[in-house]
Amino acid sequence: MRIFLDACVDPRAVTVFAGHEAISAFDLGWHRLKDHVLLPLVEQRFDVLVTTDQGFEYEHNLKKLRLSIVIVHVAKNKLEFYEMLARPLLEAVNAALPGMVIHVPAKD
């Protein structure tokens, strides 16, 4: 699975997606692009977009997208908080289908 980490996600979180091709917006120099420019680029190259933007699914028509969205809820945007969610994040990525939105809640 080809996974894109949005600019709002700690770019070091690519390590959480072992066994997948994961790359961050910062790695590609896309971290300053607006969503209307970014989404078509991501859609062409990736299967899944991972973001912490909880309003994302309400701001875009996701049914027309050819990728899935995983919205991760973390207490802090630090690698250790993504590592605590590694298993549910991998499960979400593996279950993802185009146009689907999956929320991964924070651990208590």
C-alpha atoms as a PDB file:
ATOM      1  CA  MET A   1       0.000   0.000   0.000  1.00  0.00           C
ATOM      2  CA  ARG A   2       1.308   3.488  -0.836  1.00  0.00           C
ATOM      3  CA  ILE A   3       0.678   5.825   2.102  1.00  0.00           C
ATOM      4  CA  PHE A   4       0.928   9.619   2.169  1.00  0.00           C
ATOM      5  CA  LEU A   5       1.281  11.434   5.498  1.00  0.00           C
ATOM      6  CA  ASP A   6      -0.294  14.877   5.463  1.00  0.00           C
ATOM      7  CA  ALA A   7       1.764  17.881   6.621  1.00  0.00           C
ATOM      8  CA  CYS A   8      -0.097  17.897   9.954  1.00  0.00           C
ATOM      9  CA  VAL A   9       1.313  14.431  10.781  1.00  0.00           C
ATOM     10  CA  ASP A  10       4.757  14.096  12.367  1.00  0.00           C
ATOM     11  CA  PRO A  11       6.870  13.035   9.353  1.00  0.00           C
ATOM     12  CA  ARG A  12       8.767  10.516  11.496  1.00  0.00           C
ATOM     13  CA  ALA A  13       5.515   8.527  11.714  1.00  0.00           C
ATOM     14  CA  VAL A  14       6.397   6.906   8.368  1.00  0.00           C
ATOM     15  CA  THR A  15       8.208   4.314  10.498  1.00  0.00           C
ATOM     16  CA  VAL A  16       4.853   3.149  11.916  1.00  0.00           C
ATOM     17  CA  PHE A  17       3.798   1.798   8.513  1.00  0.00           C
ATOM     18  CA  ALA A  18       6.276  -1.073   8.224  1.00  0.00           C
ATOM     19  CA  GLY A  19       5.663  -3.230   5.179  1.00  0.00           C
ATOM     20  CA  HIS A  20       4.130  -0.331   3.257  1.00  0.00           C
ATOM     21  CA  GLU A  21       5.570   2.461   1.151  1.00  0.00           C
ATOM     22  CA  ALA A  22       5.006   5.522   3.365  1.00  0.00           C
ATOM     23  CA  ILE A  23       6.169   9.054   2.605  1.00  0.00           C
ATOM     24  CA  SER A  24       5.413  12.400   4.202  1.00  0.00           C
ATOM     25  CA  ALA A  25       4.417  15.737   2.707  1.00  0.00           C
ATOM     26  CA  PHE A  26       7.736  17.079   3.992  1.00  0.00           C
ATOM     27  CA  ASP A  27       9.709  14.366   2.168  1.00  0.00           C
ATOM     28  CA  LEU A  28       8.142  15.482  -1.119  1.00  0.00           C
ATOM     29  CA  GLY A  29       8.237  19.213  -0.385  1.00  0.00           C
ATOM     30  CA  TRP A  30       4.419  19.301  -0.504  1.00  0.00           C
ATOM     31  CA  HIS A  31       3.907  20.514   3.074  1.00  0.00           C
ATOM     32  CA  ARG A  32       2.864  24.033   2.025  1.00  0.00           C
ATOM     33  CA  LEU A  33       0.378  23.036  -0.679  1.00  0.00           C
ATOM     34  CA  LYS A  34      -3.304  23.812  -0.168  1.00  0.00           C
ATOM     35  CA  ASP A  35      -5.691  20.835  -0.186  1.00  0.00           C
ATOM     36  CA  HIS A  36      -7.193  21.694  -3.586  1.00  0.00           C
ATOM     37  CA  VAL A  37      -3.698  21.436  -5.135  1.00  0.00           C
ATOM     38  CA  LEU A  38      -2.459  18.610  -2.910  1.00  0.00           C
ATOM     39  CA  LEU A  39      -5.329  16.127  -3.264  1.00  0.00           C
ATOM     40  CA  PRO A  40      -5.005  15.554  -7.036  1.00  0.00           C
ATOM     41  CA  LEU A  41      -1.253  14.961  -6.615  1.00  0.00           C
ATOM     42  CA  VAL A  42      -1.757  12.535  -3.741  1.00  0.00           C
ATOM     43  CA  GLU A  43      -4.557  10.750  -5.560  1.00  0.00           C
ATOM     44  CA  GLN A  44      -2.295  10.056  -8.550  1.00  0.00           C
ATOM     45  CA  ARG A  45       0.489   8.447  -6.507  1.00  0.00           C
ATOM     46  CA  PHE A  46      -0.973   7.025  -3.297  1.00  0.00           C
ATOM     47  CA  ASP A  47      -3.641   4.640  -2.003  1.00  0.00           C
ATOM     48  CA  VAL A  48      -4.131   6.148   1.459  1.00  0.00           C
ATOM     49  CA  LEU A  49      -3.844   9.634   2.928  1.00  0.00           C
ATOM     50  CA  VAL A  50      -3.180   9.776   6.676  1.00  0.00           C
ATOM     51  CA  THR A  51      -4.099  13.036   8.403  1.00  0.00           C
ATOM     52  CA  THR A  52      -4.940  14.433  11.811  1.00  0.00           C
ATOM     53  CA  ASP A  53      -7.322  16.988  10.256  1.00  0.00           C
ATOM     54  CA  GLN A  54     -10.633  15.921  11.803  1.00  0.00           C
ATOM     55  CA  GLY A  55     -12.589  18.247   9.518  1.00  0.00           C
ATOM     56  CA  PHE A  56     -11.087  16.756   6.370  1.00  0.00           C
ATOM     57  CA  GLU A  57     -14.019  14.498   5.550  1.00  0.00           C
ATOM     58  CA  TYR A  58     -16.434  17.432   5.754  1.00  0.00           C
ATOM     59  CA  GLU A  59     -14.332  19.780   3.623  1.00  0.00           C
ATOM     60  CA  HIS A  60     -13.982  17.512   0.566  1.00  0.00           C
ATOM     61  CA  ASN A  61     -16.152  15.263  -1.599  1.00  0.00           C
ATOM     62  CA  LEU A  62     -14.425  12.021  -0.687  1.00  0.00           C
ATOM     63  CA  LYS A  63     -16.729   9.710  -2.635  1.00  0.00           C
ATOM     64  CA  LYS A  64     -15.068  10.898  -5.849  1.00  0.00           C
ATOM     65  CA  LEU A  65     -11.563  10.195  -4.581  1.00  0.00           C
ATOM     66  CA  ARG A  66      -9.606   7.169  -5.718  1.00  0.00           C
ATOM     67  CA  LEU A  67      -7.863   6.898  -2.372  1.00  0.00           C
ATOM     68  CA  SER A  68      -8.918   6.369   1.209  1.00  0.00           C
ATOM     69  CA  ILE A  69      -8.494   8.680   4.167  1.00  0.00           C
ATOM     70  CA  VAL A  70      -7.308   7.615   7.605  1.00  0.00           C
ATOM     71  CA  ILE A  71      -7.913  10.268  10.242  1.00  0.00           C
ATOM     72  CA  VAL A  72      -5.789   9.612  13.293  1.00  0.00           C
ATOM     73  CA  HIS A  73      -6.633  11.195  16.637  1.00  0.00           C
ATOM     74  CA  VAL A  74      -3.488  11.767  18.675  1.00  0.00           C
ATOM     75  CA  ALA A  75      -3.072  13.694  21.919  1.00  0.00           C
ATOM     76  CA  LYS A  76       0.164  15.257  20.638  1.00  0.00           C
ATOM     77  CA  ASN A  77       1.756  15.328  17.211  1.00  0.00           C
ATOM     78  CA  LYS A  78       4.816  13.388  18.322  1.00  0.00           C
ATOM     79  CA  LEU A  79       6.159  10.086  17.075  1.00  0.00           C
ATOM     80  CA  GLU A  80       5.509   8.216  20.332  1.00  0.00           C
ATOM     81  CA  PHE A  81       1.759   8.920  20.073  1.00  0.00           C
ATOM     82  CA  TYR A  82       1.663   7.413  16.579  1.00  0.00           C
ATOM     83  CA  GLU A  83       3.738   4.453  17.755  1.00  0.00           C
ATOM     84  CA  MET A  84       1.137   3.768  20.475  1.00  0.00           C
ATOM     85  CA  LEU A  85      -1.449   3.501  17.663  1.00  0.00           C
ATOM     86  CA  ALA A  86       0.710   1.424  15.300  1.00  0.00           C
ATOM     87  CA  ARG A  87      -1.535  -1.632  15.332  1.00  0.00           C
ATOM     88  CA  PRO A  88      -4.868   0.178  14.730  1.00  0.00           C
ATOM     89  CA  LEU A  89      -3.202   2.398  12.117  1.00  0.00           C
ATOM     90  CA  LEU A  90      -1.944  -0.638  10.205  1.00  0.00           C
ATOM     91  CA  GLU A  91      -5.357  -2.293  10.509  1.00  0.00           C
ATOM     92  CA  ALA A  92      -7.012   0.861   9.142  1.00  0.00           C
ATOM     93  CA  VAL A  93      -4.602   1.063   6.207  1.00  0.00           C
ATOM     94  CA  ASN A  94      -5.092  -2.613   5.381  1.00  0.00           C
ATOM     95  CA  ALA A  95      -8.906  -2.273   5.478  1.00  0.00           C
ATOM     96  CA  ALA A  96      -9.008   0.972   3.484  1.00  0.00           C
ATOM     97  CA  LEU A  97     -10.904   1.168   0.191  1.00  0.00           C
ATOM     98  CA  PRO A  98     -11.141   4.138  -2.217  1.00  0.00           C
ATOM     99  CA  GLY A  99     -13.498   6.839  -0.933  1.00  0.00           C
ATOM    100  CA  MET A 100     -13.524   5.361   2.567  1.00  0.00           C
ATOM    101  CA  VAL A 101     -12.816   7.380   5.713  1.00  0.00           C
ATOM    102  CA  ILE A 102     -11.522   5.526   8.752  1.00  0.00           C
ATOM    103  CA  HIS A 103     -10.992   7.177  12.142  1.00  0.00           C
ATOM    104  CA  VAL A 104      -8.312   5.825  14.451  1.00  0.00           C
ATOM    105  CA  PRO A 105      -9.096   7.077  17.974  1.00  0.00           C
ATOM    106  CA  ALA A 106      -6.407   8.009  20.487  1.00  0.00           C
ATOM    107  CA  LYS A 107      -5.507   5.539  23.208  1.00  0.00           C
ATOM    108  CA  ASP A 108      -6.697   6.424  26.681  1.00  0.00           C
END
